[in-house]
Amino acid sequence: MKPSVSCLLLTAFCLVLSACSPKSAEPRPPEIAYGQDMCDACGMIISDAKFAAATLLTSGEALRFDDIGEMVTYHMDHPEAQVKAWFVHDYPSEAWLRGEGPAAGLTGLYGDPARGYAGGYRR
């Protein structure tokens, strides 16, 4: 028995759709509206991308912070918040970096810890 042309077309169409579907996507940092969004730890306006940080929780909620120090302190104080991904900015380029594990490429911190500012960078 030969398959019909419509059956073959339907099968081809399904294969194309499955190839175009998103794979298990890597977690992405949340959008931050600089000068508008508030830090989830201290409530200050997040105004500088160089210092901003974020976490994506396993629940899907995104938390935004005005610096790395606020992010770390928040999660030390809230161990129940299960983090799926950590994000920090590369200080010179302001590009997002993954903030966990050796794959993060984060090799140093920048800023004035006395003022609470901390940014990351890669060498």
PDB file of N, CA and C in Angstrom:
ATOM      1  N   MET A   1       0.846  -1.161   0.000  1.00  0.00           N
ATOM      2  CA  MET A   1       0.000   0.000   0.000  1.00  0.00           C
ATOM      3  C   MET A   1       0.898   1.233   0.000  1.00  0.00           C
ATOM      4  N   LYS A   2       0.672   2.156  -0.935  1.00  0.00           N
ATOM      5  CA  LYS A   2       1.469   3.366  -1.035  1.00  0.00           C
ATOM      6  C   LYS A   2       0.855   4.469  -0.179  1.00  0.00           C
ATOM      7  N   PRO A   3       1.714   5.230   0.529  1.00  0.00           N
ATOM      8  CA  PRO A   3       1.164   6.365   1.284  1.00  0.00           C
ATOM      9  C   PRO A   3       0.707   7.448   0.312  1.00  0.00           C
ATOM     10  N   SER A   4      -0.329   8.129   0.691  1.00  0.00           N
ATOM     11  CA  SER A   4      -0.864   9.199  -0.149  1.00  0.00           C
ATOM     12  C   SER A   4       0.051  10.422  -0.116  1.00  0.00           C
ATOM     13  N   VAL A   5      -0.076  11.261  -1.107  1.00  0.00           N
ATOM     14  CA  VAL A   5       0.722  12.485  -1.193  1.00  0.00           C
ATOM     15  C   VAL A   5       0.417  13.392  -0.007  1.00  0.00           C
ATOM     16  N   SER A   6      -0.834  13.479   0.375  1.00  0.00           N
ATOM     17  CA  SER A   6      -1.189  14.345   1.508  1.00  0.00           C
ATOM     18  C   SER A   6      -0.567  13.839   2.807  1.00  0.00           C
ATOM     19  N   CYS A   7      -0.482  12.515   2.958  1.00  0.00           N
ATOM     20  CA  CYS A   7       0.153  11.946   4.148  1.00  0.00           C
ATOM     21  C   CYS A   7       1.646  12.288   4.165  1.00  0.00           C
ATOM     22  N   LEU A   8       2.294  12.186   3.018  1.00  0.00           N
ATOM     23  CA  LEU A   8       3.722  12.535   2.931  1.00  0.00           C
ATOM     24  C   LEU A   8       3.947  14.019   3.209  1.00  0.00           C
ATOM     25  N   LEU A   9       3.080  14.874   2.673  1.00  0.00           N
ATOM     26  CA  LEU A   9       3.196  16.316   2.917  1.00  0.00           C
ATOM     27  C   LEU A   9       2.985  16.644   4.389  1.00  0.00           C
ATOM     28  N   LEU A  10       2.024  15.989   5.003  1.00  0.00           N
ATOM     29  CA  LEU A  10       1.758  16.218   6.429  1.00  0.00           C
ATOM     30  C   LEU A  10       2.967  15.801   7.270  1.00  0.00           C
ATOM     31  N   THR A  11       3.558  14.648   6.936  1.00  0.00           N
ATOM     32  CA  THR A  11       4.750  14.183   7.653  1.00  0.00           C
ATOM     33  C   THR A  11       5.910  15.152   7.481  1.00  0.00           C
ATOM     34  N   ALA A  12       6.128  15.631   6.262  1.00  0.00           N
ATOM     35  CA  ALA A  12       7.206  16.589   6.005  1.00  0.00           C
ATOM     36  C   ALA A  12       6.963  17.887   6.774  1.00  0.00           C
ATOM     37  N   PHE A  13       5.718  18.343   6.793  1.00  0.00           N
ATOM     38  CA  PHE A  13       5.370  19.568   7.506  1.00  0.00           C
ATOM     39  C   PHE A  13       5.660  19.419   9.008  1.00  0.00           C
ATOM     40  N   CYS A  14       5.304  18.285   9.581  1.00  0.00           N
ATOM     41  CA  CYS A  14       5.553  18.037  11.009  1.00  0.00           C
ATOM     42  C   CYS A  14       7.048  18.007  11.322  1.00  0.00           C
ATOM     43  N   LEU A  15       7.817  17.406  10.424  1.00  0.00           N
ATOM     44  CA  LEU A  15       9.270  17.380  10.629  1.00  0.00           C
ATOM     45  C   LEU A  15       9.865  18.780  10.595  1.00  0.00           C
ATOM     46  N   VAL A  16       9.406  19.609   9.682  1.00  0.00           N
ATOM     47  CA  VAL A  16       9.885  20.992   9.595  1.00  0.00           C
ATOM     48  C   VAL A  16       9.526  21.748  10.864  1.00  0.00           C
ATOM     49  N   LEU A  17       8.292  21.588  11.332  1.00  0.00           N
ATOM     50  CA  LEU A  17       7.883  22.277  12.562  1.00  0.00           C
ATOM     51  C   LEU A  17       8.706  21.831  13.763  1.00  0.00           C
ATOM     52  N   SER A  18       8.962  20.546  13.873  1.00  0.00           N
ATOM     53  CA  SER A  18       9.741  20.072  15.021  1.00  0.00           C
ATOM     54  C   SER A  18      11.176  20.572  14.960  1.00  0.00           C
ATOM     55  N   ALA A  19      11.726  20.744  13.771  1.00  0.00           N
ATOM     56  CA  ALA A  19      13.087  21.269  13.633  1.00  0.00           C
ATOM     57  C   ALA A  19      13.151  22.741  14.000  1.00  0.00           C
ATOM     58  N   CYS A  20      12.046  23.459  13.820  1.00  0.00           N
ATOM     59  CA  CYS A  20      12.011  24.894  14.105  1.00  0.00           C
ATOM     60  C   CYS A  20      11.631  25.205  15.545  1.00  0.00           C
ATOM     61  N   SER A  21      11.149  24.220  16.267  1.00  0.00           N
ATOM     62  CA  SER A  21      10.718  24.487  17.633  1.00  0.00           C
ATOM     63  C   SER A  21      11.922  24.783  18.508  1.00  0.00           C
ATOM     64  N   PRO A  22      11.741  25.635  19.522  1.00  0.00           N
ATOM     65  CA  PRO A  22      12.872  25.976  20.380  1.00  0.00           C
ATOM     66  C   PRO A  22      13.351  24.766  21.167  1.00  0.00           C
ATOM     67  N   LYS A  23      14.630  24.631  21.265  1.00  0.00           N
ATOM     68  CA  LYS A  23      15.225  23.560  22.073  1.00  0.00           C
ATOM     69  C   LYS A  23      15.116  23.979  23.539  1.00  0.00           C
ATOM     70  N   SER A  24      15.614  23.169  24.437  1.00  0.00           N
ATOM     71  CA  SER A  24      15.591  23.561  25.841  1.00  0.00           C
ATOM     72  C   SER A  24      16.479  24.798  25.974  1.00  0.00           C
ATOM     73  N   ALA A  25      15.840  25.928  25.982  1.00  0.00           N
ATOM     74  CA  ALA A  25      16.533  27.210  25.916  1.00  0.00           C
ATOM     75  C   ALA A  25      17.378  27.461  27.162  1.00  0.00           C
ATOM     76  N   GLU A  26      18.522  28.060  26.927  1.00  0.00           N
ATOM     77  CA  GLU A  26      19.361  28.506  28.042  1.00  0.00           C
ATOM     78  C   GLU A  26      18.624  29.624  28.760  1.00  0.00           C
ATOM     79  N   PRO A  27      18.737  29.685  30.077  1.00  0.00           N
ATOM     80  CA  PRO A  27      18.124  30.799  30.795  1.00  0.00           C
ATOM     81  C   PRO A  27      18.693  32.126  30.296  1.00  0.00           C
ATOM     82  N   ARG A  28      17.834  33.122  30.192  1.00  0.00           N
ATOM     83  CA  ARG A  28      18.255  34.439  29.721  1.00  0.00           C
ATOM     84  C   ARG A  28      18.030  35.463  30.825  1.00  0.00           C
ATOM     85  N   PRO A  29      18.893  36.469  30.899  1.00  0.00           N
ATOM     86  CA  PRO A  29      18.705  37.495  31.927  1.00  0.00           C
ATOM     87  C   PRO A  29      17.429  38.287  31.663  1.00  0.00           C
ATOM     88  N   PRO A  30      16.835  38.809  32.709  1.00  0.00           N
ATOM     89  CA  PRO A  30      15.619  39.597  32.519  1.00  0.00           C
ATOM     90  C   PRO A  30      15.940  40.964  31.923  1.00  0.00           C
ATOM     91  N   GLU A  31      14.956  41.554  31.305  1.00  0.00           N
ATOM     92  CA  GLU A  31      15.103  42.936  30.845  1.00  0.00           C
ATOM     93  C   GLU A  31      15.076  43.831  32.081  1.00  0.00           C
ATOM     94  N   ILE A  32      15.909  44.841  32.079  1.00  0.00           N
ATOM     95  CA  ILE A  32      15.909  45.828  33.169  1.00  0.00           C
ATOM     96  C   ILE A  32      15.691  47.193  32.541  1.00  0.00           C
ATOM     97  N   ALA A  33      14.692  47.903  33.018  1.00  0.00           N
ATOM     98  CA  ALA A  33      14.434  49.270  32.571  1.00  0.00           C
ATOM     99  C   ALA A  33      15.242  50.187  33.488  1.00  0.00           C
ATOM    100  N   TYR A  34      16.452  50.544  33.041  1.00  0.00           N
ATOM    101  CA  TYR A  34      17.344  51.355  33.867  1.00  0.00           C
ATOM    102  C   TYR A  34      16.718  52.718  34.119  1.00  0.00           C
ATOM    103  N   GLY A  35      16.811  53.141  35.368  1.00  0.00           N
ATOM    104  CA  GLY A  35      16.191  54.397  35.771  1.00  0.00           C
ATOM    105  C   GLY A  35      14.730  54.240  36.169  1.00  0.00           C
ATOM    106  N   GLN A  36      14.190  53.015  36.048  1.00  0.00           N
ATOM    107  CA  GLN A  36      12.790  52.764  36.415  1.00  0.00           C
ATOM    108  C   GLN A  36      12.633  51.567  37.352  1.00  0.00           C
ATOM    109  N   ASP A  37      13.251  50.420  36.997  1.00  0.00           N
ATOM    110  CA  ASP A  37      13.102  49.220  37.811  1.00  0.00           C
ATOM    111  C   ASP A  37      13.808  49.382  39.145  1.00  0.00           C
ATOM    112  N   MET A  38      13.206  48.757  40.171  1.00  0.00           N
ATOM    113  CA  MET A  38      13.778  48.838  41.513  1.00  0.00           C
ATOM    114  C   MET A  38      14.484  47.538  41.883  1.00  0.00           C
ATOM    115  N   CYS A  39      15.520  47.666  42.688  1.00  0.00           N
ATOM    116  CA  CYS A  39      16.267  46.528  43.208  1.00  0.00           C
ATOM    117  C   CYS A  39      15.344  45.716  44.115  1.00  0.00           C
ATOM    118  N   ASP A  40      15.296  44.402  43.897  1.00  0.00           N
ATOM    119  CA  ASP A  40      14.448  43.535  44.713  1.00  0.00           C
ATOM    120  C   ASP A  40      14.973  43.363  46.129  1.00  0.00           C
ATOM    121  N   ALA A  41      16.201  43.784  46.398  1.00  0.00           N
ATOM    122  CA  ALA A  41      16.760  43.666  47.744  1.00  0.00           C
ATOM    123  C   ALA A  41      16.536  44.932  48.559  1.00  0.00           C
ATOM    124  N   CYS A  42      16.874  46.094  47.977  1.00  0.00           N
ATOM    125  CA  CYS A  42      16.864  47.327  48.779  1.00  0.00           C
ATOM    126  C   CYS A  42      15.834  48.358  48.322  1.00  0.00           C
ATOM    127  N   GLY A  43      15.239  48.157  47.149  1.00  0.00           N
ATOM    128  CA  GLY A  43      14.222  49.088  46.671  1.00  0.00           C
ATOM    129  C   GLY A  43      14.762  50.297  45.932  1.00  0.00           C
ATOM    130  N   MET A  44      16.086  50.411  45.804  1.00  0.00           N
ATOM    131  CA  MET A  44      16.656  51.546  45.068  1.00  0.00           C
ATOM    132  C   MET A  44      16.425  51.359  43.568  1.00  0.00           C
ATOM    133  N   ILE A  45      16.382  52.475  42.840  1.00  0.00           N
ATOM    134  CA  ILE A  45      16.255  52.428  41.390  1.00  0.00           C
ATOM    135  C   ILE A  45      17.543  51.845  40.796  1.00  0.00           C
ATOM    136  N   ILE A  46      17.422  50.921  39.852  1.00  0.00           N
ATOM    137  CA  ILE A  46      18.589  50.358  39.171  1.00  0.00           C
ATOM    138  C   ILE A  46      18.917  51.300  38.024  1.00  0.00           C
ATOM    139  N   SER A  47      20.057  51.968  38.127  1.00  0.00           N
ATOM    140  CA  SER A  47      20.353  53.023  37.158  1.00  0.00           C
ATOM    141  C   SER A  47      21.590  52.764  36.302  1.00  0.00           C
ATOM    142  N   ASP A  48      22.416  51.784  36.649  1.00  0.00           N
ATOM    143  CA  ASP A  48      23.674  51.598  35.923  1.00  0.00           C
ATOM    144  C   ASP A  48      23.881  50.132  35.562  1.00  0.00           C
ATOM    145  N   ALA A  49      23.914  49.841  34.270  1.00  0.00           N
ATOM    146  CA  ALA A  49      24.076  48.465  33.807  1.00  0.00           C
ATOM    147  C   ALA A  49      25.405  47.863  34.244  1.00  0.00           C
ATOM    148  N   LYS A  50      26.421  48.668  34.427  1.00  0.00           N
ATOM    149  CA  LYS A  50      27.736  48.144  34.822  1.00  0.00           C
ATOM    150  C   LYS A  50      27.656  47.353  36.121  1.00  0.00           C
ATOM    151  N   PHE A  51      26.775  47.773  36.998  1.00  0.00           N
ATOM    152  CA  PHE A  51      26.681  47.164  38.313  1.00  0.00           C
ATOM    153  C   PHE A  51      25.498  46.216  38.464  1.00  0.00           C
ATOM    154  N   ALA A  52      24.510  46.281  37.602  1.00  0.00           N
ATOM    155  CA  ALA A  52      23.275  45.506  37.752  1.00  0.00           C
ATOM    156  C   ALA A  52      23.542  44.011  37.722  1.00  0.00           C
ATOM    157  N   ALA A  53      22.708  43.271  38.441  1.00  0.00           N
ATOM    158  CA  ALA A  53      22.781  41.812  38.503  1.00  0.00           C
ATOM    159  C   ALA A  53      21.363  41.272  38.551  1.00  0.00           C
ATOM    160  N   ALA A  54      21.214  39.991  38.299  1.00  0.00           N
ATOM    161  CA  ALA A  54      19.878  39.397  38.311  1.00  0.00           C
ATOM    162  C   ALA A  54      19.970  37.904  38.573  1.00  0.00           C
ATOM    163  N   THR A  55      18.875  37.348  39.046  1.00  0.00           N
ATOM    164  CA  THR A  55      18.755  35.903  39.173  1.00  0.00           C
ATOM    165  C   THR A  55      17.435  35.476  38.563  1.00  0.00           C
ATOM    166  N   LEU A  56      17.430  34.270  38.030  1.00  0.00           N
ATOM    167  CA  LEU A  56      16.220  33.643  37.532  1.00  0.00           C
ATOM    168  C   LEU A  56      15.946  32.470  38.453  1.00  0.00           C
ATOM    169  N   LEU A  57      14.775  32.475  39.079  1.00  0.00           N
ATOM    170  CA  LEU A  57      14.432  31.422  40.023  1.00  0.00           C
ATOM    171  C   LEU A  57      13.836  30.221  39.296  1.00  0.00           C
ATOM    172  N   THR A  58      13.863  29.068  39.940  1.00  0.00           N
ATOM    173  CA  THR A  58      13.293  27.869  39.335  1.00  0.00           C
ATOM    174  C   THR A  58      11.794  28.024  39.107  1.00  0.00           C
ATOM    175  N   SER A  59      11.152  28.926  39.833  1.00  0.00           N
ATOM    176  CA  SER A  59       9.720  29.192  39.650  1.00  0.00           C
ATOM    177  C   SER A  59       9.442  30.007  38.393  1.00  0.00           C
ATOM    178  N   GLY A  60      10.514  30.544  37.776  1.00  0.00           N
ATOM    179  CA  GLY A  60      10.359  31.384  36.595  1.00  0.00           C
ATOM    180  C   GLY A  60      10.414  32.869  36.914  1.00  0.00           C
ATOM    181  N   GLU A  61      10.348  33.220  38.199  1.00  0.00           N
ATOM    182  CA  GLU A  61      10.418  34.624  38.603  1.00  0.00           C
ATOM    183  C   GLU A  61      11.837  35.153  38.407  1.00  0.00           C
ATOM    184  N   ALA A  62      11.936  36.387  37.928  1.00  0.00           N
ATOM    185  CA  ALA A  62      13.233  37.045  37.765  1.00  0.00           C
ATOM    186  C   ALA A  62      13.380  38.109  38.841  1.00  0.00           C
ATOM    187  N   LEU A  63      14.536  38.142  39.475  1.00  0.00           N
ATOM    188  CA  LEU A  63      14.835  39.168  40.475  1.00  0.00           C
ATOM    189  C   LEU A  63      15.943  40.047  39.924  1.00  0.00           C
ATOM    190  N   ARG A  64      15.819  41.362  40.156  1.00  0.00           N
ATOM    191  CA  ARG A  64      16.774  42.342  39.645  1.00  0.00           C
ATOM    192  C   ARG A  64      17.431  43.056  40.825  1.00  0.00           C
ATOM    193  N   PHE A  65      18.741  43.322  40.674  1.00  0.00           N
ATOM    194  CA  PHE A  65      19.490  43.942  41.765  1.00  0.00           C
ATOM    195  C   PHE A  65      20.352  45.071  41.226  1.00  0.00           C
ATOM    196  N   ASP A  66      20.602  46.076  42.095  1.00  0.00           N
ATOM    197  CA  ASP A  66      21.409  47.210  41.641  1.00  0.00           C
ATOM    198  C   ASP A  66      22.905  46.926  41.688  1.00  0.00           C
ATOM    199  N   ASP A  67      23.328  45.825  42.321  1.00  0.00           N
ATOM    200  CA  ASP A  67      24.728  45.398  42.238  1.00  0.00           C
ATOM    201  C   ASP A  67      24.868  43.958  42.711  1.00  0.00           C
ATOM    202  N   ILE A  68      26.036  43.387  42.478  1.00  0.00           N
ATOM    203  CA  ILE A  68      26.288  41.990  42.817  1.00  0.00           C
ATOM    204  C   ILE A  68      26.163  41.756  44.319  1.00  0.00           C
ATOM    205  N   GLY A  69      26.638  42.712  45.110  1.00  0.00           N
ATOM    206  CA  GLY A  69      26.577  42.575  46.563  1.00  0.00           C
ATOM    207  C   GLY A  69      25.150  42.440  47.063  1.00  0.00           C
ATOM    208  N   GLU A  70      24.232  43.224  46.510  1.00  0.00           N
ATOM    209  CA  GLU A  70      22.816  43.138  46.893  1.00  0.00           C
ATOM    210  C   GLU A  70      22.258  41.764  46.522  1.00  0.00           C
ATOM    211  N   MET A  71      22.644  41.255  45.351  1.00  0.00           N
ATOM    212  CA  MET A  71      22.162  39.956  44.907  1.00  0.00           C
ATOM    213  C   MET A  71      22.620  38.857  45.869  1.00  0.00           C
ATOM    214  N   VAL A  72      23.901  38.861  46.207  1.00  0.00           N
ATOM    215  CA  VAL A  72      24.443  37.840  47.096  1.00  0.00           C
ATOM    216  C   VAL A  72      23.802  37.924  48.479  1.00  0.00           C
ATOM    217  N   THR A  73      23.705  39.129  49.020  1.00  0.00           N
ATOM    218  CA  THR A  73      23.105  39.323  50.340  1.00  0.00           C
ATOM    219  C   THR A  73      21.648  38.870  50.347  1.00  0.00           C
ATOM    220  N   TYR A  74      20.896  39.226  49.304  1.00  0.00           N
ATOM    221  CA  TYR A  74      19.491  38.830  49.213  1.00  0.00           C
ATOM    222  C   TYR A  74      19.360  37.309  49.285  1.00  0.00           C
ATOM    223  N   HIS A  75      20.172  36.610  48.503  1.00  0.00           N
ATOM    224  CA  HIS A  75      20.036  35.157  48.468  1.00  0.00           C
ATOM    225  C   HIS A  75      20.595  34.479  49.716  1.00  0.00           C
ATOM    226  N   MET A  76      21.501  35.119  50.413  1.00  0.00           N
ATOM    227  CA  MET A  76      21.941  34.592  51.709  1.00  0.00           C
ATOM    228  C   MET A  76      20.802  34.713  52.718  1.00  0.00           C
ATOM    229  N   ASP A  77      20.037  35.809  52.625  1.00  0.00           N
ATOM    230  CA  ASP A  77      18.917  36.041  53.532  1.00  0.00           C
ATOM    231  C   ASP A  77      17.652  35.278  53.132  1.00  0.00           C
ATOM    232  N   HIS A  78      17.586  34.795  51.893  1.00  0.00           N
ATOM    233  CA  HIS A  78      16.406  34.085  51.386  1.00  0.00           C
ATOM    234  C   HIS A  78      16.817  32.746  50.760  1.00  0.00           C
ATOM    235  N   PRO A  79      17.288  31.801  51.579  1.00  0.00           N
ATOM    236  CA  PRO A  79      17.743  30.522  51.031  1.00  0.00           C
ATOM    237  C   PRO A  79      16.618  29.714  50.378  1.00  0.00           C
ATOM    238  N   GLU A  80      15.381  30.064  50.690  1.00  0.00           N
ATOM    239  CA  GLU A  80      14.257  29.348  50.089  1.00  0.00           C
ATOM    240  C   GLU A  80      14.067  29.687  48.606  1.00  0.00           C
ATOM    241  N   ALA A  81      14.637  30.791  48.159  1.00  0.00           N
ATOM    242  CA  ALA A  81      14.543  31.194  46.752  1.00  0.00           C
ATOM    243  C   ALA A  81      15.531  30.351  45.943  1.00  0.00           C
ATOM    244  N   GLN A  82      15.036  29.354  45.248  1.00  0.00           N
ATOM    245  CA  GLN A  82      15.883  28.426  44.492  1.00  0.00           C
ATOM    246  C   GLN A  82      16.288  29.052  43.164  1.00  0.00           C
ATOM    247  N   VAL A  83      17.579  29.292  42.988  1.00  0.00           N
ATOM    248  CA  VAL A  83      18.092  30.000  41.815  1.00  0.00           C
ATOM    249  C   VAL A  83      18.398  29.018  40.684  1.00  0.00           C
ATOM    250  N   LYS A  84      17.852  29.314  39.521  1.00  0.00           N
ATOM    251  CA  LYS A  84      18.137  28.534  38.319  1.00  0.00           C
ATOM    252  C   LYS A  84      19.369  29.085  37.606  1.00  0.00           C
ATOM    253  N   ALA A  85      19.502  30.427  37.578  1.00  0.00           N
ATOM    254  CA  ALA A  85      20.637  31.060  36.901  1.00  0.00           C
ATOM    255  C   ALA A  85      20.961  32.398  37.551  1.00  0.00           C
ATOM    256  N   TRP A  86      22.245  32.703  37.616  1.00  0.00           N
ATOM    257  CA  TRP A  86      22.764  33.958  38.141  1.00  0.00           C
ATOM    258  C   TRP A  86      23.303  34.763  36.960  1.00  0.00           C
ATOM    259  N   PHE A  87      23.090  36.078  36.962  1.00  0.00           N
ATOM    260  CA  PHE A  87      23.577  36.936  35.893  1.00  0.00           C
ATOM    261  C   PHE A  87      24.239  38.179  36.473  1.00  0.00           C
ATOM    262  N   VAL A  88      25.387  38.524  35.906  1.00  0.00           N
ATOM    263  CA  VAL A  88      26.101  39.745  36.271  1.00  0.00           C
ATOM    264  C   VAL A  88      26.518  40.429  34.968  1.00  0.00           C
ATOM    265  N   HIS A  89      26.902  41.684  35.068  1.00  0.00           N
ATOM    266  CA  HIS A  89      27.378  42.403  33.890  1.00  0.00           C
ATOM    267  C   HIS A  89      28.899  42.445  33.859  1.00  0.00           C
ATOM    268  N   ASP A  90      29.448  42.329  32.662  1.00  0.00           N
ATOM    269  CA  ASP A  90      30.866  42.589  32.448  1.00  0.00           C
ATOM    270  C   ASP A  90      31.017  44.105  32.567  1.00  0.00           C
ATOM    271  N   TYR A  91      31.814  44.564  33.507  1.00  0.00           N
ATOM    272  CA  TYR A  91      31.893  46.001  33.781  1.00  0.00           C
ATOM    273  C   TYR A  91      32.283  46.825  32.552  1.00  0.00           C
ATOM    274  N   PRO A  92      33.357  46.484  31.831  1.00  0.00           N
ATOM    275  CA  PRO A  92      33.746  47.343  30.701  1.00  0.00           C
ATOM    276  C   PRO A  92      32.736  47.371  29.551  1.00  0.00           C
ATOM    277  N   SER A  93      32.183  46.208  29.182  1.00  0.00           N
ATOM    278  CA  SER A  93      31.309  46.164  28.004  1.00  0.00           C
ATOM    279  C   SER A  93      29.827  46.244  28.339  1.00  0.00           C
ATOM    280  N   GLU A  94      29.467  46.031  29.588  1.00  0.00           N
ATOM    281  CA  GLU A  94      28.089  45.977  30.071  1.00  0.00           C
ATOM    282  C   GLU A  94      27.308  44.795  29.509  1.00  0.00           C
ATOM    283  N   ALA A  95      28.008  43.802  28.953  1.00  0.00           N
ATOM    284  CA  ALA A  95      27.346  42.592  28.450  1.00  0.00           C
ATOM    285  C   ALA A  95      26.998  41.693  29.627  1.00  0.00           C
ATOM    286  N   TRP A  96      25.885  40.968  29.519  1.00  0.00           N
ATOM    287  CA  TRP A  96      25.517  40.020  30.558  1.00  0.00           C
ATOM    288  C   TRP A  96      26.471  38.827  30.537  1.00  0.00           C
ATOM    289  N   LEU A  97      26.832  38.349  31.725  1.00  0.00           N
ATOM    290  CA  LEU A  97      27.618  37.137  31.908  1.00  0.00           C
ATOM    291  C   LEU A  97      26.838  36.219  32.828  1.00  0.00           C
ATOM    292  N   ARG A  98      26.957  34.909  32.612  1.00  0.00           N
ATOM    293  CA  ARG A  98      26.402  33.971  33.581  1.00  0.00           C
ATOM    294  C   ARG A  98      27.268  34.071  34.828  1.00  0.00           C
ATOM    295  N   GLY A  99      26.654  34.069  35.966  1.00  0.00           N
ATOM    296  CA  GLY A  99      27.384  34.315  37.197  1.00  0.00           C
ATOM    297  C   GLY A  99      27.677  33.102  38.040  1.00  0.00           C
ATOM    298  N   GLU A 100      27.469  31.888  37.503  1.00  0.00           N
ATOM    299  CA  GLU A 100      27.733  30.716  38.337  1.00  0.00           C
ATOM    300  C   GLU A 100      28.767  29.808  37.690  1.00  0.00           C
ATOM    301  N   GLY A 101      29.502  29.133  38.525  1.00  0.00           N
ATOM    302  CA  GLY A 101      30.439  28.115  38.066  1.00  0.00           C
ATOM    303  C   GLY A 101      31.621  28.651  37.285  1.00  0.00           C
ATOM    304  N   PRO A 102      32.547  27.770  36.967  1.00  0.00           N
ATOM    305  CA  PRO A 102      33.745  28.182  36.238  1.00  0.00           C
ATOM    306  C   PRO A 102      33.451  28.642  34.817  1.00  0.00           C
ATOM    307  N   ALA A 103      32.313  28.253  34.263  1.00  0.00           N
ATOM    308  CA  ALA A 103      31.970  28.668  32.901  1.00  0.00           C
ATOM    309  C   ALA A 103      31.599  30.147  32.842  1.00  0.00           C
ATOM    310  N   ALA A 104      31.392  30.757  33.993  1.00  0.00           N
ATOM    311  CA  ALA A 104      30.970  32.151  34.010  1.00  0.00           C
ATOM    312  C   ALA A 104      32.030  33.073  33.420  1.00  0.00           C
ATOM    313  N   GLY A 105      33.276  32.741  33.605  1.00  0.00           N
ATOM    314  CA  GLY A 105      34.339  33.586  33.087  1.00  0.00           C
ATOM    315  C   GLY A 105      34.545  34.840  33.911  1.00  0.00           C
ATOM    316  N   LEU A 106      33.900  34.931  35.049  1.00  0.00           N
ATOM    317  CA  LEU A 106      34.034  36.090  35.915  1.00  0.00           C
ATOM    318  C   LEU A 106      35.354  35.978  36.658  1.00  0.00           C
ATOM    319  N   THR A 107      36.274  36.900  36.375  1.00  0.00           N
ATOM    320  CA  THR A 107      37.605  36.776  36.971  1.00  0.00           C
ATOM    321  C   THR A 107      37.906  37.850  38.001  1.00  0.00           C
ATOM    322  N   GLY A 108      37.013  38.784  38.205  1.00  0.00           N
ATOM    323  CA  GLY A 108      37.282  39.805  39.196  1.00  0.00           C
ATOM    324  C   GLY A 108      36.065  40.657  39.458  1.00  0.00           C
ATOM    325  N   LEU A 109      36.178  41.491  40.460  1.00  0.00           N
ATOM    326  CA  LEU A 109      35.120  42.435  40.813  1.00  0.00           C
ATOM    327  C   LEU A 109      35.659  43.847  40.699  1.00  0.00           C
ATOM    328  N   TYR A 110      34.787  44.766  40.383  1.00  0.00           N
ATOM    329  CA  TYR A 110      35.170  46.153  40.227  1.00  0.00           C
ATOM    330  C   TYR A 110      34.213  47.003  41.045  1.00  0.00           C
ATOM    331  N   GLY A 111      34.719  48.068  41.620  1.00  0.00           N
ATOM    332  CA  GLY A 111      33.856  48.995  42.335  1.00  0.00           C
ATOM    333  C   GLY A 111      34.395  49.309  43.706  1.00  0.00           C
ATOM    334  N   ASP A 112      33.582  49.975  44.460  1.00  0.00           N
ATOM    335  CA  ASP A 112      33.931  50.414  45.796  1.00  0.00           C
ATOM    336  C   ASP A 112      33.019  49.686  46.788  1.00  0.00           C
ATOM    337  N   PRO A 113      33.501  48.580  47.359  1.00  0.00           N
ATOM    338  CA  PRO A 113      32.655  47.813  48.272  1.00  0.00           C
ATOM    339  C   PRO A 113      32.149  48.633  49.454  1.00  0.00           C
ATOM    340  N   ALA A 114      32.878  49.661  49.861  1.00  0.00           N
ATOM    341  CA  ALA A 114      32.425  50.502  50.971  1.00  0.00           C
ATOM    342  C   ALA A 114      31.134  51.231  50.609  1.00  0.00           C
ATOM    343  N   ARG A 115      30.962  51.535  49.307  1.00  0.00           N
ATOM    344  CA  ARG A 115      29.743  52.207  48.860  1.00  0.00           C
ATOM    345  C   ARG A 115      28.698  51.208  48.382  1.00  0.00           C
ATOM    346  N   GLY A 116      29.062  49.933  48.334  1.00  0.00           N
ATOM    347  CA  GLY A 116      28.116  48.912  47.928  1.00  0.00           C
ATOM    348  C   GLY A 116      28.114  48.618  46.446  1.00  0.00           C
ATOM    349  N   TYR A 117      28.952  49.286  45.673  1.00  0.00           N
ATOM    350  CA  TYR A 117      29.000  49.017  44.245  1.00  0.00           C
ATOM    351  C   TYR A 117      29.958  47.883  43.959  1.00  0.00           C
ATOM    352  N   ALA A 118      29.525  46.945  43.162  1.00  0.00           N
ATOM    353  CA  ALA A 118      30.401  45.861  42.730  1.00  0.00           C
ATOM    354  C   ALA A 118      29.973  45.454  41.334  1.00  0.00           C
ATOM    355  N   GLY A 119      30.914  45.360  40.449  1.00  0.00           N
ATOM    356  CA  GLY A 119      30.665  44.907  39.077  1.00  0.00           C
ATOM    357  C   GLY A 119      31.654  43.817  38.757  1.00  0.00           C
ATOM    358  N   GLY A 120      31.332  43.001  37.784  1.00  0.00           N
ATOM    359  CA  GLY A 120      32.226  41.915  37.407  1.00  0.00           C
ATOM    360  C   GLY A 120      32.933  42.216  36.100  1.00  0.00           C
ATOM    361  N   TYR A 121      33.997  41.483  35.854  1.00  0.00           N
ATOM    362  CA  TYR A 121      34.681  41.617  34.578  1.00  0.00           C
ATOM    363  C   TYR A 121      35.394  40.322  34.248  1.00  0.00           C
ATOM    364  N   ARG A 122      35.715  40.166  32.964  1.00  0.00           N
ATOM    365  CA  ARG A 122      36.505  39.032  32.495  1.00  0.00           C
ATOM    366  C   ARG A 122      37.817  39.565  31.984  1.00  0.00           C
ATOM    367  N   ARG A 123      38.856  38.777  32.124  1.00  0.00           N
ATOM    368  CA  ARG A 123      40.153  39.181  31.578  1.00  0.00           C
ATOM    369  C   ARG A 123      40.332  38.602  30.218  1.00  0.00           C
TER     370      ARG A 123
END
